Amino acid sequence: MSTLKIYWHDERKNVVGRAVRKLRMDAQITQKQLAEKAQLLGYEFDRLTVLRIESGDRFVADYEVKALADALGVEISTLYDITT
């Protein structure tokens, strides 16, 4: 039986949070508004989810990365630009 190994990026649980925050701020929308956009696309997000992703306190599944990209109107690869 194999076990799941969790990899962290520095002290963060995800690598997309910083890009999500920057793109959200550039779009001049709140965390709640981003969550609502994702909800309208059929994903289950709330303001706390967005907050925890941006702060790096929450792991982000691949389908959630797609949801965030869709809600922000960007390509998925944009969220992996960890220099943002």
N, C-alpha and C. Protein backbone atom coordinates (compact mmCIF):
# COMPACT_ATOMS: atom_id res chain seq x y z
N MET A 1 0.84 -1.17 0.00
CA MET A 1 0.00 0.00 0.00
C MET A 1 0.89 1.24 0.00
N SER A 2 0.64 2.15 -0.94
CA SER A 2 1.43 3.37 -1.00
C SER A 2 0.71 4.49 -0.27
N THR A 3 1.47 5.43 0.20
CA THR A 3 0.89 6.57 0.88
C THR A 3 1.05 7.81 0.03
N LEU A 4 0.17 8.73 0.20
CA LEU A 4 0.20 9.99 -0.52
C LEU A 4 1.26 10.89 0.10
N LYS A 5 2.16 11.37 -0.73
CA LYS A 5 3.17 12.30 -0.24
C LYS A 5 2.75 13.71 -0.65
N ILE A 6 2.73 14.60 0.28
CA ILE A 6 2.32 15.98 0.02
C ILE A 6 3.57 16.85 -0.06
N TYR A 7 3.67 17.58 -1.14
CA TYR A 7 4.81 18.48 -1.35
C TYR A 7 4.36 19.91 -1.13
N TRP A 8 5.15 20.66 -0.43
CA TRP A 8 4.86 22.06 -0.18
C TRP A 8 5.78 22.90 -1.04
N HIS A 9 5.36 24.10 -1.33
CA HIS A 9 6.19 25.06 -2.04
C HIS A 9 6.60 26.10 -1.01
N ASP A 10 7.86 26.05 -0.60
CA ASP A 10 8.33 26.89 0.50
C ASP A 10 7.43 26.61 1.71
N GLU A 11 6.79 27.63 2.24
CA GLU A 11 5.90 27.46 3.39
C GLU A 11 4.44 27.40 2.96
N ARG A 12 4.20 27.40 1.65
CA ARG A 12 2.85 27.47 1.13
C ARG A 12 2.35 26.09 0.70
N LYS A 13 1.04 25.92 0.77
CA LYS A 13 0.43 24.65 0.36
C LYS A 13 0.04 24.65 -1.11
N ASN A 14 0.25 25.76 -1.81
CA ASN A 14 -0.03 25.81 -3.24
C ASN A 14 0.89 26.82 -3.91
N VAL A 15 0.98 26.73 -5.24
CA VAL A 15 1.82 27.67 -5.98
C VAL A 15 1.00 28.69 -6.76
N VAL A 16 -0.32 28.57 -6.72
CA VAL A 16 -1.15 29.47 -7.52
C VAL A 16 -1.71 30.65 -6.73
N GLY A 17 -1.65 30.60 -5.43
CA GLY A 17 -2.28 31.62 -4.60
C GLY A 17 -1.83 33.04 -4.88
N ARG A 18 -0.55 33.23 -5.03
CA ARG A 18 -0.03 34.59 -5.29
C ARG A 18 -0.55 35.13 -6.60
N ALA A 19 -0.56 34.29 -7.63
CA ALA A 19 -1.06 34.72 -8.94
C ALA A 19 -2.56 35.01 -8.87
N VAL A 20 -3.30 34.17 -8.15
CA VAL A 20 -4.74 34.41 -8.00
C VAL A 20 -4.97 35.77 -7.36
N ARG A 21 -4.25 36.05 -6.29
CA ARG A 21 -4.41 37.35 -5.61
C ARG A 21 -4.08 38.51 -6.53
N LYS A 22 -2.95 38.41 -7.25
CA LYS A 22 -2.55 39.50 -8.14
C LYS A 22 -3.58 39.72 -9.24
N LEU A 23 -4.02 38.64 -9.86
CA LEU A 23 -5.00 38.76 -10.94
C LEU A 23 -6.33 39.29 -10.43
N ARG A 24 -6.72 38.86 -9.24
CA ARG A 24 -7.96 39.36 -8.65
C ARG A 24 -7.86 40.85 -8.36
N MET A 25 -6.75 41.25 -7.78
CA MET A 25 -6.54 42.66 -7.47
C MET A 25 -6.48 43.50 -8.76
N ASP A 26 -5.79 42.98 -9.78
CA ASP A 26 -5.72 43.68 -11.07
C ASP A 26 -7.12 43.86 -11.67
N ALA A 27 -7.99 42.87 -11.47
CA ALA A 27 -9.36 42.94 -11.98
C ALA A 27 -10.26 43.79 -11.09
N GLN A 28 -9.72 44.23 -9.96
CA GLN A 28 -10.44 45.06 -8.99
C GLN A 28 -11.73 44.41 -8.52
N ILE A 29 -11.62 43.12 -8.16
CA ILE A 29 -12.76 42.41 -7.59
C ILE A 29 -12.37 41.88 -6.22
N THR A 30 -13.36 41.69 -5.40
CA THR A 30 -13.13 41.18 -4.04
C THR A 30 -13.02 39.65 -4.07
N GLN A 31 -12.59 39.10 -2.96
CA GLN A 31 -12.55 37.64 -2.83
C GLN A 31 -13.95 37.06 -2.96
N LYS A 32 -14.93 37.75 -2.41
CA LYS A 32 -16.32 37.29 -2.51
C LYS A 32 -16.79 37.31 -3.96
N GLN A 33 -16.44 38.35 -4.69
CA GLN A 33 -16.85 38.43 -6.09
C GLN A 33 -16.20 37.32 -6.93
N LEU A 34 -14.93 37.00 -6.65
CA LEU A 34 -14.27 35.92 -7.36
C LEU A 34 -14.96 34.59 -7.05
N ALA A 35 -15.29 34.37 -5.79
CA ALA A 35 -16.00 33.15 -5.40
C ALA A 35 -17.35 33.07 -6.11
N GLU A 36 -18.04 34.19 -6.20
CA GLU A 36 -19.35 34.21 -6.88
C GLU A 36 -19.20 33.90 -8.37
N LYS A 37 -18.15 34.42 -9.00
CA LYS A 37 -17.91 34.11 -10.42
C LYS A 37 -17.69 32.61 -10.60
N ALA A 38 -16.91 32.01 -9.71
CA ALA A 38 -16.67 30.57 -9.78
C ALA A 38 -17.96 29.80 -9.56
N GLN A 39 -18.80 30.26 -8.63
CA GLN A 39 -20.08 29.61 -8.37
C GLN A 39 -20.97 29.65 -9.60
N LEU A 40 -20.99 30.78 -10.30
CA LEU A 40 -21.80 30.91 -11.51
C LEU A 40 -21.33 29.94 -12.60
N LEU A 41 -20.07 29.55 -12.55
CA LEU A 41 -19.52 28.59 -13.51
C LEU A 41 -19.72 27.14 -13.03
N GLY A 42 -20.35 26.98 -11.87
CA GLY A 42 -20.67 25.65 -11.38
C GLY A 42 -19.70 25.06 -10.37
N TYR A 43 -18.81 25.87 -9.85
CA TYR A 43 -17.83 25.39 -8.87
C TYR A 43 -18.23 25.84 -7.47
N GLU A 44 -17.88 25.04 -6.48
CA GLU A 44 -18.21 25.38 -5.09
C GLU A 44 -17.05 26.13 -4.44
N PHE A 45 -17.16 27.43 -4.42
CA PHE A 45 -16.18 28.31 -3.80
C PHE A 45 -16.93 29.29 -2.91
N ASP A 46 -16.27 29.74 -1.85
CA ASP A 46 -16.78 30.86 -1.08
C ASP A 46 -15.60 31.79 -0.78
N ARG A 47 -15.90 32.89 -0.13
CA ARG A 47 -14.85 33.89 0.13
C ARG A 47 -13.71 33.30 0.95
N LEU A 48 -14.04 32.48 1.92
CA LEU A 48 -13.01 31.87 2.77
C LEU A 48 -12.11 30.95 1.96
N THR A 49 -12.67 30.24 0.99
CA THR A 49 -11.87 29.37 0.12
C THR A 49 -10.84 30.21 -0.63
N VAL A 50 -11.29 31.31 -1.22
CA VAL A 50 -10.39 32.19 -1.97
C VAL A 50 -9.32 32.76 -1.04
N LEU A 51 -9.71 33.21 0.14
CA LEU A 51 -8.77 33.75 1.12
C LEU A 51 -7.68 32.73 1.44
N ARG A 52 -8.08 31.49 1.73
CA ARG A 52 -7.11 30.46 2.11
C ARG A 52 -6.21 30.06 0.94
N ILE A 53 -6.74 30.07 -0.28
CA ILE A 53 -5.91 29.79 -1.45
C ILE A 53 -4.88 30.89 -1.64
N GLU A 54 -5.32 32.13 -1.59
CA GLU A 54 -4.41 33.26 -1.78
C GLU A 54 -3.32 33.31 -0.72
N SER A 55 -3.66 32.96 0.50
CA SER A 55 -2.68 33.03 1.59
C SER A 55 -1.76 31.81 1.62
N GLY A 56 -2.08 30.81 0.79
CA GLY A 56 -1.25 29.61 0.74
C GLY A 56 -1.55 28.60 1.83
N ASP A 57 -2.67 28.80 2.52
CA ASP A 57 -3.04 27.91 3.64
C ASP A 57 -3.88 26.72 3.20
N ARG A 58 -4.17 26.63 1.90
CA ARG A 58 -5.05 25.57 1.41
C ARG A 58 -4.47 24.94 0.16
N PHE A 59 -4.52 23.62 0.10
CA PHE A 59 -4.14 22.92 -1.12
C PHE A 59 -5.19 23.21 -2.18
N VAL A 60 -4.78 23.19 -3.45
CA VAL A 60 -5.69 23.46 -4.55
C VAL A 60 -5.64 22.28 -5.52
N ALA A 61 -6.78 21.65 -5.70
CA ALA A 61 -6.87 20.53 -6.64
C ALA A 61 -6.82 21.06 -8.07
N ASP A 62 -6.48 20.18 -9.00
CA ASP A 62 -6.35 20.61 -10.39
C ASP A 62 -7.65 21.17 -10.95
N TYR A 63 -8.79 20.60 -10.61
CA TYR A 63 -10.05 21.13 -11.12
C TYR A 63 -10.34 22.52 -10.53
N GLU A 64 -9.82 22.79 -9.33
CA GLU A 64 -9.99 24.11 -8.73
C GLU A 64 -9.11 25.15 -9.42
N VAL A 65 -7.94 24.74 -9.88
CA VAL A 65 -7.09 25.65 -10.65
C VAL A 65 -7.83 26.06 -11.91
N LYS A 66 -8.47 25.09 -12.57
CA LYS A 66 -9.25 25.39 -13.76
C LYS A 66 -10.39 26.34 -13.43
N ALA A 67 -11.07 26.11 -12.31
CA ALA A 67 -12.17 26.97 -11.89
C ALA A 67 -11.69 28.40 -11.68
N LEU A 68 -10.55 28.56 -11.01
CA LEU A 68 -10.01 29.89 -10.76
C LEU A 68 -9.62 30.58 -12.06
N ALA A 69 -8.98 29.84 -12.96
CA ALA A 69 -8.60 30.40 -14.25
C ALA A 69 -9.84 30.84 -15.03
N ASP A 70 -10.85 29.99 -15.06
CA ASP A 70 -12.10 30.34 -15.75
C ASP A 70 -12.74 31.58 -15.15
N ALA A 71 -12.81 31.63 -13.83
CA ALA A 71 -13.44 32.76 -13.14
C ALA A 71 -12.66 34.06 -13.35
N LEU A 72 -11.35 33.95 -13.47
CA LEU A 72 -10.50 35.13 -13.69
C LEU A 72 -10.34 35.46 -15.17
N GLY A 73 -10.78 34.56 -16.05
CA GLY A 73 -10.69 34.79 -17.48
C GLY A 73 -9.28 34.71 -18.03
N VAL A 74 -8.48 33.79 -17.46
CA VAL A 74 -7.09 33.63 -17.90
C VAL A 74 -6.82 32.17 -18.23
N GLU A 75 -5.70 31.93 -18.89
CA GLU A 75 -5.25 30.57 -19.15
C GLU A 75 -4.76 29.95 -17.84
N ILE A 76 -4.90 28.65 -17.72
CA ILE A 76 -4.44 27.95 -16.52
C ILE A 76 -2.96 28.22 -16.26
N SER A 77 -2.16 28.23 -17.32
CA SER A 77 -0.72 28.43 -17.16
C SER A 77 -0.38 29.76 -16.49
N THR A 78 -1.24 30.75 -16.62
CA THR A 78 -1.02 32.05 -15.98
C THR A 78 -0.96 31.91 -14.48
N LEU A 79 -1.73 30.99 -13.92
CA LEU A 79 -1.76 30.81 -12.47
C LEU A 79 -0.50 30.13 -11.94
N TYR A 80 0.23 29.49 -12.83
CA TYR A 80 1.46 28.82 -12.41
C TYR A 80 2.69 29.69 -12.56
N ASP A 81 2.50 30.94 -12.92
CA ASP A 81 3.61 31.88 -13.01
C ASP A 81 3.94 32.32 -11.60
N ILE A 82 4.82 31.57 -10.91
CA ILE A 82 5.08 31.82 -9.50
C ILE A 82 5.96 33.05 -9.26
N THR A 83 6.32 33.75 -10.32
CA THR A 83 7.08 34.98 -10.13
C THR A 83 6.15 36.14 -9.86
N THR A 84 4.81 35.95 -10.00
CA THR A 84 3.87 37.03 -9.76
C THR A 84 3.73 37.34 -8.31
